[in-house]
Amino acid sequence: MILFAMLAANTLYGLLVGWWSDYDQIPWHRVVLDCIGFGLILIVALRADRWWPLWVSGVQLLSVLAHLLRAIDADLHPLVYAIMDRWPYWMAIGLTALGTYLHAGRAKTVSND
């Protein structure tokens, strides 16, 4: 739900302001979304008894660190910054899908016993 809310908020922002983020500048709305998302995912990860929320919070931390690196090094190429910003989000979606699939399989096995 957190990842979906981040996507929905980013899409809403894109509809209101404009679709394309200019990675020549720091997209501050993405910084805020990534930081809030990281905090919420970390809370879930610390409360859950699963491996995958920790991994999801780890890759979300990579997005937060990409913004920090861009703020420190303004000469970072915009394409590199865009990849560092967005790629962890898609990794988080993949990890969430994998973790949910594996958990559903375990839950089905336990309910059959």
PDB file of N, CA and C in Angstrom:
ATOM      1  N   MET A   1       0.824  -1.194   0.000  1.00  0.00           N
ATOM      2  CA  MET A   1       0.000   0.000   0.000  1.00  0.00           C
ATOM      3  C   MET A   1       0.870   1.261   0.000  1.00  0.00           C
ATOM      4  N   ILE A   2       1.994   1.200   0.703  1.00  0.00           N
ATOM      5  CA  ILE A   2       2.879   2.363   0.766  1.00  0.00           C
ATOM      6  C   ILE A   2       3.442   2.675  -0.615  1.00  0.00           C
ATOM      7  N   LEU A   3       3.900   1.653  -1.315  1.00  0.00           N
ATOM      8  CA  LEU A   3       4.449   1.863  -2.657  1.00  0.00           C
ATOM      9  C   LEU A   3       3.372   2.370  -3.610  1.00  0.00           C
ATOM     10  N   PHE A   4       2.165   1.842  -3.481  1.00  0.00           N
ATOM     11  CA  PHE A   4       1.069   2.314  -4.319  1.00  0.00           C
ATOM     12  C   PHE A   4       0.743   3.774  -3.999  1.00  0.00           C
ATOM     13  N   ALA A   5       0.733   4.134  -2.719  1.00  0.00           N
ATOM     14  CA  ALA A   5       0.459   5.524  -2.335  1.00  0.00           C
ATOM     15  C   ALA A   5       1.539   6.459  -2.868  1.00  0.00           C
ATOM     16  N   MET A   6       2.793   6.001  -2.850  1.00  0.00           N
ATOM     17  CA  MET A   6       3.876   6.824  -3.409  1.00  0.00           C
ATOM     18  C   MET A   6       3.667   7.038  -4.905  1.00  0.00           C
ATOM     19  N   LEU A   7       3.285   5.984  -5.611  1.00  0.00           N
ATOM     20  CA  LEU A   7       3.023   6.091  -7.045  1.00  0.00           C
ATOM     21  C   LEU A   7       1.841   7.021  -7.316  1.00  0.00           C
ATOM     22  N   ALA A   8       0.774   6.876  -6.540  1.00  0.00           N
ATOM     23  CA  ALA A   8      -0.406   7.718  -6.720  1.00  0.00           C
ATOM     24  C   ALA A   8      -0.079   9.188  -6.448  1.00  0.00           C
ATOM     25  N   ALA A   9       0.676   9.459  -5.389  1.00  0.00           N
ATOM     26  CA  ALA A   9       1.038  10.844  -5.060  1.00  0.00           C
ATOM     27  C   ALA A   9       1.917  11.445  -6.152  1.00  0.00           C
ATOM     28  N   ASN A  10       2.859  10.663  -6.666  1.00  0.00           N
ATOM     29  CA  ASN A  10       3.729  11.157  -7.729  1.00  0.00           C
ATOM     30  C   ASN A  10       2.939  11.404  -9.013  1.00  0.00           C
ATOM     31  N   THR A  11       2.002  10.533  -9.320  1.00  0.00           N
ATOM     32  CA  THR A  11       1.168  10.703 -10.509  1.00  0.00           C
ATOM     33  C   THR A  11       0.276  11.935 -10.361  1.00  0.00           C
ATOM     34  N   LEU A  12      -0.304  12.111  -9.188  1.00  0.00           N
ATOM     35  CA  LEU A  12      -1.136  13.294  -8.950  1.00  0.00           C
ATOM     36  C   LEU A  12      -0.314  14.566  -9.095  1.00  0.00           C
ATOM     37  N   TYR A  13       0.887  14.561  -8.550  1.00  0.00           N
ATOM     38  CA  TYR A  13       1.772  15.720  -8.694  1.00  0.00           C
ATOM     39  C   TYR A  13       2.078  15.964 -10.177  1.00  0.00           C
ATOM     40  N   GLY A  14       2.332  14.885 -10.910  1.00  0.00           N
ATOM     41  CA  GLY A  14       2.621  15.007 -12.337  1.00  0.00           C
ATOM     42  C   GLY A  14       1.451  15.576 -13.118  1.00  0.00           C
ATOM     43  N   LEU A  15       0.248  15.188 -12.745  1.00  0.00           N
ATOM     44  CA  LEU A  15      -0.938  15.724 -13.423  1.00  0.00           C
ATOM     45  C   LEU A  15      -1.136  17.208 -13.123  1.00  0.00           C
ATOM     46  N   LEU A  16      -0.842  17.608 -11.896  1.00  0.00           N
ATOM     47  CA  LEU A  16      -1.058  18.995 -11.506  1.00  0.00           C
ATOM     48  C   LEU A  16       0.036  19.937 -11.992  1.00  0.00           C
ATOM     49  N   VAL A  17       1.288  19.478 -11.947  1.00  0.00           N
ATOM     50  CA  VAL A  17       2.416  20.361 -12.228  1.00  0.00           C
ATOM     51  C   VAL A  17       3.044  20.095 -13.593  1.00  0.00           C
ATOM     52  N   GLY A  18       3.098  18.870 -13.981  1.00  0.00           N
ATOM     53  CA  GLY A  18       3.751  18.491 -15.230  1.00  0.00           C
ATOM     54  C   GLY A  18       4.347  17.113 -15.061  1.00  0.00           C
ATOM     55  N   TRP A  19       4.339  16.338 -16.119  1.00  0.00           N
ATOM     56  CA  TRP A  19       4.731  14.939 -16.003  1.00  0.00           C
ATOM     57  C   TRP A  19       6.211  14.723 -15.765  1.00  0.00           C
ATOM     58  N   TRP A  20       7.044  15.423 -16.442  1.00  0.00           N
ATOM     59  CA  TRP A  20       8.452  15.075 -16.430  1.00  0.00           C
ATOM     60  C   TRP A  20       9.205  15.850 -15.380  1.00  0.00           C
ATOM     61  N   SER A  21       9.920  15.112 -14.565  1.00  0.00           N
ATOM     62  CA  SER A  21      10.828  15.740 -13.611  1.00  0.00           C
ATOM     63  C   SER A  21      12.086  16.120 -14.358  1.00  0.00           C
ATOM     64  N   ASP A  22      12.548  17.287 -14.116  1.00  0.00           N
ATOM     65  CA  ASP A  22      13.789  17.734 -14.708  1.00  0.00           C
ATOM     66  C   ASP A  22      14.906  17.312 -13.777  1.00  0.00           C
ATOM     67  N   TYR A  23      15.640  16.297 -14.153  1.00  0.00           N
ATOM     68  CA  TYR A  23      16.687  15.786 -13.279  1.00  0.00           C
ATOM     69  C   TYR A  23      17.942  16.649 -13.294  1.00  0.00           C
ATOM     70  N   ASP A  24      17.868  17.797 -13.996  1.00  0.00           N
ATOM     71  CA  ASP A  24      18.951  18.773 -13.856  1.00  0.00           C
ATOM     72  C   ASP A  24      18.853  19.436 -12.489  1.00  0.00           C
ATOM     73  N   GLN A  25      17.659  19.470 -11.953  1.00  0.00           N
ATOM     74  CA  GLN A  25      17.396  20.012 -10.619  1.00  0.00           C
ATOM     75  C   GLN A  25      16.961  18.861  -9.707  1.00  0.00           C
ATOM     76  N   ILE A  26      17.002  19.084  -8.424  1.00  0.00           N
ATOM     77  CA  ILE A  26      16.515  18.077  -7.486  1.00  0.00           C
ATOM     78  C   ILE A  26      14.994  18.178  -7.429  1.00  0.00           C
ATOM     79  N   PRO A  27      14.278  17.087  -7.751  1.00  0.00           N
ATOM     80  CA  PRO A  27      12.805  17.125  -7.655  1.00  0.00           C
ATOM     81  C   PRO A  27      12.392  16.961  -6.182  1.00  0.00           C
ATOM     82  N   TRP A  28      12.137  18.058  -5.528  1.00  0.00           N
ATOM     83  CA  TRP A  28      11.915  18.028  -4.077  1.00  0.00           C
ATOM     84  C   TRP A  28      10.673  17.247  -3.689  1.00  0.00           C
ATOM     85  N   HIS A  29       9.690  17.201  -4.557  1.00  0.00           N
ATOM     86  CA  HIS A  29       8.517  16.389  -4.226  1.00  0.00           C
ATOM     87  C   HIS A  29       8.895  14.909  -4.146  1.00  0.00           C
ATOM     88  N   ARG A  30       9.834  14.468  -4.999  1.00  0.00           N
ATOM     89  CA  ARG A  30      10.300  13.078  -4.953  1.00  0.00           C
ATOM     90  C   ARG A  30      11.136  12.821  -3.705  1.00  0.00           C
ATOM     91  N   VAL A  31      11.913  13.816  -3.298  1.00  0.00           N
ATOM     92  CA  VAL A  31      12.713  13.677  -2.076  1.00  0.00           C
ATOM     93  C   VAL A  31      11.778  13.455  -0.888  1.00  0.00           C
ATOM     94  N   VAL A  32      10.735  14.268  -0.807  1.00  0.00           N
ATOM     95  CA  VAL A  32       9.777  14.138   0.295  1.00  0.00           C
ATOM     96  C   VAL A  32       9.073  12.785   0.235  1.00  0.00           C
ATOM     97  N   LEU A  33       8.606  12.384  -0.954  1.00  0.00           N
ATOM     98  CA  LEU A  33       7.941  11.086  -1.100  1.00  0.00           C
ATOM     99  C   LEU A  33       8.863   9.936  -0.720  1.00  0.00           C
ATOM    100  N   ASP A  34      10.108   9.978  -1.180  1.00  0.00           N
ATOM    101  CA  ASP A  34      11.038   8.894  -0.878  1.00  0.00           C
ATOM    102  C   ASP A  34      11.379   8.832   0.610  1.00  0.00           C
ATOM    103  N   CYS A  35      11.531   9.974   1.246  1.00  0.00           N
ATOM    104  CA  CYS A  35      11.839   9.983   2.685  1.00  0.00           C
ATOM    105  C   CYS A  35      10.659   9.476   3.513  1.00  0.00           C
ATOM    106  N   ILE A  36       9.458   9.942   3.191  1.00  0.00           N
ATOM    107  CA  ILE A  36       8.273   9.460   3.910  1.00  0.00           C
ATOM    108  C   ILE A  36       8.063   7.973   3.645  1.00  0.00           C
ATOM    109  N   GLY A  37       8.203   7.569   2.393  1.00  0.00           N
ATOM    110  CA  GLY A  37       8.065   6.154   2.054  1.00  0.00           C
ATOM    111  C   GLY A  37       9.081   5.295   2.775  1.00  0.00           C
ATOM    112  N   PHE A  38      10.332   5.756   2.824  1.00  0.00           N
ATOM    113  CA  PHE A  38      11.357   4.999   3.537  1.00  0.00           C
ATOM    114  C   PHE A  38      10.997   4.859   5.013  1.00  0.00           C
ATOM    115  N   GLY A  39      10.559   5.941   5.637  1.00  0.00           N
ATOM    116  CA  GLY A  39      10.197   5.884   7.051  1.00  0.00           C
ATOM    117  C   GLY A  39       9.056   4.916   7.317  1.00  0.00           C
ATOM    118  N   LEU A  40       8.027   4.964   6.489  1.00  0.00           N
ATOM    119  CA  LEU A  40       6.887   4.065   6.679  1.00  0.00           C
ATOM    120  C   LEU A  40       7.255   2.607   6.410  1.00  0.00           C
ATOM    121  N   ILE A  41       8.012   2.378   5.356  1.00  0.00           N
ATOM    122  CA  ILE A  41       8.440   1.002   5.054  1.00  0.00           C
ATOM    123  C   ILE A  41       9.344   0.468   6.155  1.00  0.00           C
ATOM    124  N   LEU A  42      10.196   1.317   6.706  1.00  0.00           N
ATOM    125  CA  LEU A  42      11.059   0.883   7.801  1.00  0.00           C
ATOM    126  C   LEU A  42      10.240   0.503   9.032  1.00  0.00           C
ATOM    127  N   ILE A  43       9.192   1.258   9.326  1.00  0.00           N
ATOM    128  CA  ILE A  43       8.318   0.906  10.449  1.00  0.00           C
ATOM    129  C   ILE A  43       7.686  -0.463  10.224  1.00  0.00           C
ATOM    130  N   VAL A  44       7.186  -0.697   9.017  1.00  0.00           N
ATOM    131  CA  VAL A  44       6.600  -2.000   8.684  1.00  0.00           C
ATOM    132  C   VAL A  44       7.656  -3.095   8.806  1.00  0.00           C
ATOM    133  N   ALA A  45       8.855  -2.833   8.303  1.00  0.00           N
ATOM    134  CA  ALA A  45       9.926  -3.834   8.319  1.00  0.00           C
ATOM    135  C   ALA A  45      10.325  -4.204   9.745  1.00  0.00           C
ATOM    136  N   LEU A  46      10.359  -3.234  10.630  1.00  0.00           N
ATOM    137  CA  LEU A  46      10.763  -3.520  12.008  1.00  0.00           C
ATOM    138  C   LEU A  46       9.684  -4.262  12.786  1.00  0.00           C
ATOM    139  N   ARG A  47       8.445  -4.147  12.368  1.00  0.00           N
ATOM    140  CA  ARG A  47       7.347  -4.836  13.048  1.00  0.00           C
ATOM    141  C   ARG A  47       7.012  -6.190  12.439  1.00  0.00           C
ATOM    142  N   ALA A  48       7.370  -6.390  11.190  1.00  0.00           N
ATOM    143  CA  ALA A  48       7.022  -7.628  10.491  1.00  0.00           C
ATOM    144  C   ALA A  48       8.026  -8.723  10.810  1.00  0.00           C
ATOM    145  N   ASP A  49       7.551  -9.935  10.745  1.00  0.00           N
ATOM    146  CA  ASP A  49       8.421 -11.088  10.946  1.00  0.00           C
ATOM    147  C   ASP A  49       8.700 -11.733   9.589  1.00  0.00           C
ATOM    148  N   ARG A  50       9.196 -10.911   8.674  1.00  0.00           N
ATOM    149  CA  ARG A  50       9.486 -11.350   7.309  1.00  0.00           C
ATOM    150  C   ARG A  50      10.814 -10.751   6.876  1.00  0.00           C
ATOM    151  N   TRP A  51      11.452 -11.385   5.891  1.00  0.00           N
ATOM    152  CA  TRP A  51      12.736 -10.880   5.394  1.00  0.00           C
ATOM    153  C   TRP A  51      12.543  -9.772   4.379  1.00  0.00           C
ATOM    154  N   TRP A  52      11.490  -9.846   3.583  1.00  0.00           N
ATOM    155  CA  TRP A  52      11.379  -8.953   2.436  1.00  0.00           C
ATOM    156  C   TRP A  52      11.085  -7.498   2.795  1.00  0.00           C
ATOM    157  N   PRO A  53      10.364  -7.173   3.875  1.00  0.00           N
ATOM    158  CA  PRO A  53      10.212  -5.739   4.180  1.00  0.00           C
ATOM    159  C   PRO A  53      11.545  -5.057   4.519  1.00  0.00           C
ATOM    160  N   LEU A  54      12.469  -5.804   5.113  1.00  0.00           N
ATOM    161  CA  LEU A  54      13.794  -5.233   5.369  1.00  0.00           C
ATOM    162  C   LEU A  54      14.517  -4.944   4.065  1.00  0.00           C
ATOM    163  N   TRP A  55      14.408  -5.831   3.113  1.00  0.00           N
ATOM    164  CA  TRP A  55      15.041  -5.609   1.818  1.00  0.00           C
ATOM    165  C   TRP A  55      14.392  -4.446   1.090  1.00  0.00           C
ATOM    166  N   VAL A  56      13.069  -4.339   1.181  1.00  0.00           N
ATOM    167  CA  VAL A  56      12.363  -3.230   0.542  1.00  0.00           C
ATOM    168  C   VAL A  56      12.798  -1.903   1.168  1.00  0.00           C
ATOM    169  N   SER A  57      12.916  -1.869   2.491  1.00  0.00           N
ATOM    170  CA  SER A  57      13.377  -0.632   3.132  1.00  0.00           C
ATOM    171  C   SER A  57      14.820  -0.331   2.741  1.00  0.00           C
ATOM    172  N   GLY A  58      15.620  -1.355   2.536  1.00  0.00           N
ATOM    173  CA  GLY A  58      17.003  -1.146   2.102  1.00  0.00           C
ATOM    174  C   GLY A  58      17.099  -0.526   0.715  1.00  0.00           C
ATOM    175  N   VAL A  59      16.285  -1.014  -0.216  1.00  0.00           N
ATOM    176  CA  VAL A  59      16.339  -0.425  -1.554  1.00  0.00           C
ATOM    177  C   VAL A  59      15.691   0.956  -1.573  1.00  0.00           C
ATOM    178  N   GLN A  60      14.714   1.191  -0.693  1.00  0.00           N
ATOM    179  CA  GLN A  60      14.139   2.529  -0.608  1.00  0.00           C
ATOM    180  C   GLN A  60      15.165   3.504  -0.029  1.00  0.00           C
ATOM    181  N   LEU A  61      16.001   3.023   0.859  1.00  0.00           N
ATOM    182  CA  LEU A  61      17.086   3.854   1.385  1.00  0.00           C
ATOM    183  C   LEU A  61      18.030   4.277   0.266  1.00  0.00           C
ATOM    184  N   LEU A  62      18.214   3.428  -0.737  1.00  0.00           N
ATOM    185  CA  LEU A  62      19.055   3.796  -1.877  1.00  0.00           C
ATOM    186  C   LEU A  62      18.506   5.020  -2.607  1.00  0.00           C
ATOM    187  N   SER A  63      17.188   5.118  -2.712  1.00  0.00           N
ATOM    188  CA  SER A  63      16.594   6.307  -3.340  1.00  0.00           C
ATOM    189  C   SER A  63      16.866   7.556  -2.515  1.00  0.00           C
ATOM    190  N   VAL A  64      16.731   7.440  -1.206  1.00  0.00           N
ATOM    191  CA  VAL A  64      16.996   8.578  -0.321  1.00  0.00           C
ATOM    192  C   VAL A  64      18.459   8.990  -0.438  1.00  0.00           C
ATOM    193  N   LEU A  65      19.355   8.015  -0.480  1.00  0.00           N
ATOM    194  CA  LEU A  65      20.783   8.320  -0.601  1.00  0.00           C
ATOM    195  C   LEU A  65      21.122   8.920  -1.961  1.00  0.00           C
ATOM    196  N   ALA A  66      20.370   8.562  -3.004  1.00  0.00           N
ATOM    197  CA  ALA A  66      20.585   9.171  -4.323  1.00  0.00           C
ATOM    198  C   ALA A  66      20.318  10.669  -4.263  1.00  0.00           C
ATOM    199  N   HIS A  67      19.264  11.061  -3.555  1.00  0.00           N
ATOM    200  CA  HIS A  67      18.963  12.485  -3.413  1.00  0.00           C
ATOM    201  C   HIS A  67      20.059  13.188  -2.611  1.00  0.00           C
ATOM    202  N   LEU A  68      20.547  12.529  -1.581  1.00  0.00           N
ATOM    203  CA  LEU A  68      21.619  13.104  -0.774  1.00  0.00           C
ATOM    204  C   LEU A  68      22.883  13.267  -1.612  1.00  0.00           C
ATOM    205  N   LEU A  69      23.214  12.261  -2.401  1.00  0.00           N
ATOM    206  CA  LEU A  69      24.388  12.346  -3.266  1.00  0.00           C
ATOM    207  C   LEU A  69      24.241  13.472  -4.281  1.00  0.00           C
ATOM    208  N   ARG A  70      23.053  13.626  -4.837  1.00  0.00           N
ATOM    209  CA  ARG A  70      22.816  14.715  -5.795  1.00  0.00           C
ATOM    210  C   ARG A  70      22.964  16.079  -5.116  1.00  0.00           C
ATOM    211  N   ALA A  71      22.497  16.179  -3.880  1.00  0.00           N
ATOM    212  CA  ALA A  71      22.621  17.443  -3.151  1.00  0.00           C
ATOM    213  C   ALA A  71      24.089  17.760  -2.844  1.00  0.00           C
ATOM    214  N   ILE A  72      24.877  16.736  -2.599  1.00  0.00           N
ATOM    215  CA  ILE A  72      26.304  16.938  -2.301  1.00  0.00           C
ATOM    216  C   ILE A  72      27.093  17.214  -3.570  1.00  0.00           C
ATOM    217  N   ASP A  73      26.818  16.439  -4.632  1.00  0.00           N
ATOM    218  CA  ASP A  73      27.575  16.544  -5.882  1.00  0.00           C
ATOM    219  C   ASP A  73      26.651  17.030  -6.993  1.00  0.00           C
ATOM    220  N   ALA A  74      26.624  18.329  -7.223  1.00  0.00           N
ATOM    221  CA  ALA A  74      25.740  18.902  -8.230  1.00  0.00           C
ATOM    222  C   ALA A  74      26.173  18.539  -9.649  1.00  0.00           C
ATOM    223  N   ASP A  75      27.387  18.017  -9.842  1.00  0.00           N
ATOM    224  CA  ASP A  75      27.872  17.644 -11.169  1.00  0.00           C
ATOM    225  C   ASP A  75      27.441  16.241 -11.586  1.00  0.00           C
ATOM    226  N   LEU A  76      26.660  15.570 -10.753  1.00  0.00           N
ATOM    227  CA  LEU A  76      26.174  14.235 -11.084  1.00  0.00           C
ATOM    228  C   LEU A  76      25.303  14.317 -12.343  1.00  0.00           C
ATOM    229  N   HIS A  77      25.598  13.472 -13.315  1.00  0.00           N
ATOM    230  CA  HIS A  77      24.879  13.490 -14.585  1.00  0.00           C
ATOM    231  C   HIS A  77      23.383  13.228 -14.333  1.00  0.00           C
ATOM    232  N   PRO A  78      22.490  13.981 -14.990  1.00  0.00           N
ATOM    233  CA  PRO A  78      21.052  13.818 -14.754  1.00  0.00           C
ATOM    234  C   PRO A  78      20.525  12.408 -15.013  1.00  0.00           C
ATOM    235  N   LEU A  79      21.054  11.719 -16.032  1.00  0.00           N
ATOM    236  CA  LEU A  79      20.599  10.360 -16.304  1.00  0.00           C
ATOM    237  C   LEU A  79      20.997   9.414 -15.176  1.00  0.00           C
ATOM    238  N   VAL A  80      22.204   9.567 -14.659  1.00  0.00           N
ATOM    239  CA  VAL A  80      22.659   8.735 -13.540  1.00  0.00           C
ATOM    240  C   VAL A  80      21.781   8.987 -12.320  1.00  0.00           C
ATOM    241  N   TYR A  81      21.482  10.254 -12.068  1.00  0.00           N
ATOM    242  CA  TYR A  81      20.623  10.609 -10.938  1.00  0.00           C
ATOM    243  C   TYR A  81      19.220  10.032 -11.114  1.00  0.00           C
ATOM    244  N   ALA A  82      18.679  10.100 -12.324  1.00  0.00           N
ATOM    245  CA  ALA A  82      17.347   9.553 -12.582  1.00  0.00           C
ATOM    246  C   ALA A  82      17.312   8.048 -12.340  1.00  0.00           C
ATOM    247  N   ILE A  83      18.338   7.344 -12.792  1.00  0.00           N
ATOM    248  CA  ILE A  83      18.397   5.895 -12.585  1.00  0.00           C
ATOM    249  C   ILE A  83      18.546   5.577 -11.099  1.00  0.00           C
ATOM    250  N   MET A  84      19.407   6.316 -10.406  1.00  0.00           N
ATOM    251  CA  MET A  84      19.598   6.082  -8.972  1.00  0.00           C
ATOM    252  C   MET A  84      18.333   6.388  -8.181  1.00  0.00           C
ATOM    253  N   ASP A  85      17.518   7.304  -8.677  1.00  0.00           N
ATOM    254  CA  ASP A  85      16.290   7.677  -7.985  1.00  0.00           C
ATOM    255  C   ASP A  85      15.165   6.673  -8.232  1.00  0.00           C
ATOM    256  N   ARG A  86      14.980   6.233  -9.457  1.00  0.00           N
ATOM    257  CA  ARG A  86      13.819   5.414  -9.811  1.00  0.00           C
ATOM    258  C   ARG A  86      14.063   3.915  -9.742  1.00  0.00           C
ATOM    259  N   TRP A  87      15.249   3.446 -10.035  1.00  0.00           N
ATOM    260  CA  TRP A  87      15.495   2.010 -10.063  1.00  0.00           C
ATOM    261  C   TRP A  87      15.183   1.325  -8.728  1.00  0.00           C
ATOM    262  N   PRO A  88      15.555   1.873  -7.572  1.00  0.00           N
ATOM    263  CA  PRO A  88      15.204   1.209  -6.311  1.00  0.00           C
ATOM    264  C   PRO A  88      13.700   1.061  -6.094  1.00  0.00           C
ATOM    265  N   TYR A  89      12.905   1.996  -6.597  1.00  0.00           N
ATOM    266  CA  TYR A  89      11.446   1.874  -6.464  1.00  0.00           C
ATOM    267  C   TYR A  89      10.954   0.620  -7.175  1.00  0.00           C
ATOM    268  N   TRP A  90      11.450   0.383  -8.369  1.00  0.00           N
ATOM    269  CA  TRP A  90      11.020  -0.803  -9.121  1.00  0.00           C
ATOM    270  C   TRP A  90      11.566  -2.078  -8.496  1.00  0.00           C
ATOM    271  N   MET A  91      12.742  -2.008  -7.910  1.00  0.00           N
ATOM    272  CA  MET A  91      13.258  -3.165  -7.163  1.00  0.00           C
ATOM    273  C   MET A  91      12.371  -3.451  -5.957  1.00  0.00           C
ATOM    274  N   ALA A  92      11.896  -2.403  -5.281  1.00  0.00           N
ATOM    275  CA  ALA A  92      11.007  -2.566  -4.131  1.00  0.00           C
ATOM    276  C   ALA A  92       9.695  -3.234  -4.547  1.00  0.00           C
ATOM    277  N   ILE A  93       9.176  -2.860  -5.704  1.00  0.00           N
ATOM    278  CA  ILE A  93       7.952  -3.497  -6.195  1.00  0.00           C
ATOM    279  C   ILE A  93       8.196  -4.985  -6.450  1.00  0.00           C
ATOM    280  N   GLY A  94       9.320  -5.306  -7.085  1.00  0.00           N
ATOM    281  CA  GLY A  94       9.645  -6.706  -7.346  1.00  0.00           C
ATOM    282  C   GLY A  94       9.828  -7.509  -6.070  1.00  0.00           C
ATOM    283  N   LEU A  95      10.514  -6.938  -5.087  1.00  0.00           N
ATOM    284  CA  LEU A  95      10.702  -7.630  -3.807  1.00  0.00           C
ATOM    285  C   LEU A  95       9.384  -7.812  -3.069  1.00  0.00           C
ATOM    286  N   THR A  96       8.528  -6.813  -3.137  1.00  0.00           N
ATOM    287  CA  THR A  96       7.215  -6.924  -2.499  1.00  0.00           C
ATOM    288  C   THR A  96       6.384  -8.010  -3.165  1.00  0.00           C
ATOM    289  N   ALA A  97       6.421  -8.058  -4.480  1.00  0.00           N
ATOM    290  CA  ALA A  97       5.687  -9.105  -5.197  1.00  0.00           C
ATOM    291  C   ALA A  97       6.228 -10.486  -4.837  1.00  0.00           C
ATOM    292  N   LEU A  98       7.540 -10.634  -4.816  1.00  0.00           N
ATOM    293  CA  LEU A  98       8.142 -11.921  -4.470  1.00  0.00           C
ATOM    294  C   LEU A  98       7.809 -12.317  -3.038  1.00  0.00           C
ATOM    295  N   GLY A  99       7.966 -11.404  -2.111  1.00  0.00           N
ATOM    296  CA  GLY A  99       7.663 -11.703  -0.707  1.00  0.00           C
ATOM    297  C   GLY A  99       6.206 -12.055  -0.487  1.00  0.00           C
ATOM    298  N   THR A 100       5.309 -11.342  -1.147  1.00  0.00           N
ATOM    299  CA  THR A 100       3.879 -11.626  -1.021  1.00  0.00           C
ATOM    300  C   THR A 100       3.539 -12.982  -1.614  1.00  0.00           C
ATOM    301  N   TYR A 101       4.123 -13.296  -2.754  1.00  0.00           N
ATOM    302  CA  TYR A 101       3.899 -14.593  -3.388  1.00  0.00           C
ATOM    303  C   TYR A 101       4.388 -15.733  -2.491  1.00  0.00           C
ATOM    304  N   LEU A 102       5.586 -15.589  -1.951  1.00  0.00           N
ATOM    305  CA  LEU A 102       6.129 -16.642  -1.085  1.00  0.00           C
ATOM    306  C   LEU A 102       5.323 -16.779   0.204  1.00  0.00           C
ATOM    307  N   HIS A 103       4.883 -15.670   0.763  1.00  0.00           N
ATOM    308  CA  HIS A 103       4.075 -15.724   1.976  1.00  0.00           C
ATOM    309  C   HIS A 103       2.724 -16.388   1.709  1.00  0.00           C
ATOM    310  N   ALA A 104       2.117 -16.075   0.574  1.00  0.00           N
ATOM    311  CA  ALA A 104       0.829 -16.708   0.214  1.00  0.00           C
ATOM    312  C   ALA A 104       1.003 -18.197   0.072  1.00  0.00           C
ATOM    313  N   GLY A 105       2.114 -18.627  -0.498  1.00  0.00           N
ATOM    314  CA  GLY A 105       2.383 -20.066  -0.626  1.00  0.00           C
ATOM    315  C   GLY A 105       2.540 -20.743   0.719  1.00  0.00           C
ATOM    316  N   ARG A 106       3.240 -20.079   1.642  1.00  0.00           N
ATOM    317  CA  ARG A 106       3.395 -20.633   2.990  1.00  0.00           C
ATOM    318  C   ARG A 106       2.071 -20.656   3.732  1.00  0.00           C
ATOM    319  N   ALA A 107       1.283 -19.614   3.596  1.00  0.00           N
ATOM    320  CA  ALA A 107      -0.008 -19.551   4.277  1.00  0.00           C
ATOM    321  C   ALA A 107      -0.948 -20.632   3.751  1.00  0.00           C
ATOM    322  N   LYS A 108      -0.877 -20.897   2.452  1.00  0.00           N
ATOM    323  CA  LYS A 108      -1.729 -21.947   1.857  1.00  0.00           C
ATOM    324  C   LYS A 108      -1.288 -23.312   2.368  1.00  0.00           C
ATOM    325  N   THR A 109       0.015 -23.539   2.487  1.00  0.00           N
ATOM    326  CA  THR A 109       0.537 -24.823   2.986  1.00  0.00           C
ATOM    327  C   THR A 109       0.139 -25.043   4.430  1.00  0.00           C
ATOM    328  N   VAL A 110       0.218 -23.998   5.257  1.00  0.00           N
ATOM    329  CA  VAL A 110      -0.146 -24.118   6.667  1.00  0.00           C
ATOM    330  C   VAL A 110      -1.642 -24.382   6.811  1.00  0.00           C
ATOM    331  N   SER A 111      -2.467 -23.747   5.987  1.00  0.00           N
ATOM    332  CA  SER A 111      -3.908 -23.944   6.104  1.00  0.00           C
ATOM    333  C   SER A 111      -4.338 -25.325   5.627  1.00  0.00           C
ATOM    334  N   ASN A 112      -3.546 -25.970   4.771  1.00  0.00           N
ATOM    335  CA  ASN A 112      -3.869 -27.317   4.312  1.00  0.00           C
ATOM    336  C   ASN A 112      -3.503 -28.394   5.321  1.00  0.00           C
ATOM    337  N   ASP A 113      -2.607 -28.082   6.242  1.00  0.00           N
ATOM    338  CA  ASP A 113      -2.157 -29.092   7.229  1.00  0.00           C
ATOM    339  C   ASP A 113      -3.172 -29.360   8.282  1.00  0.00           C
TER     340      ASP A 113
END
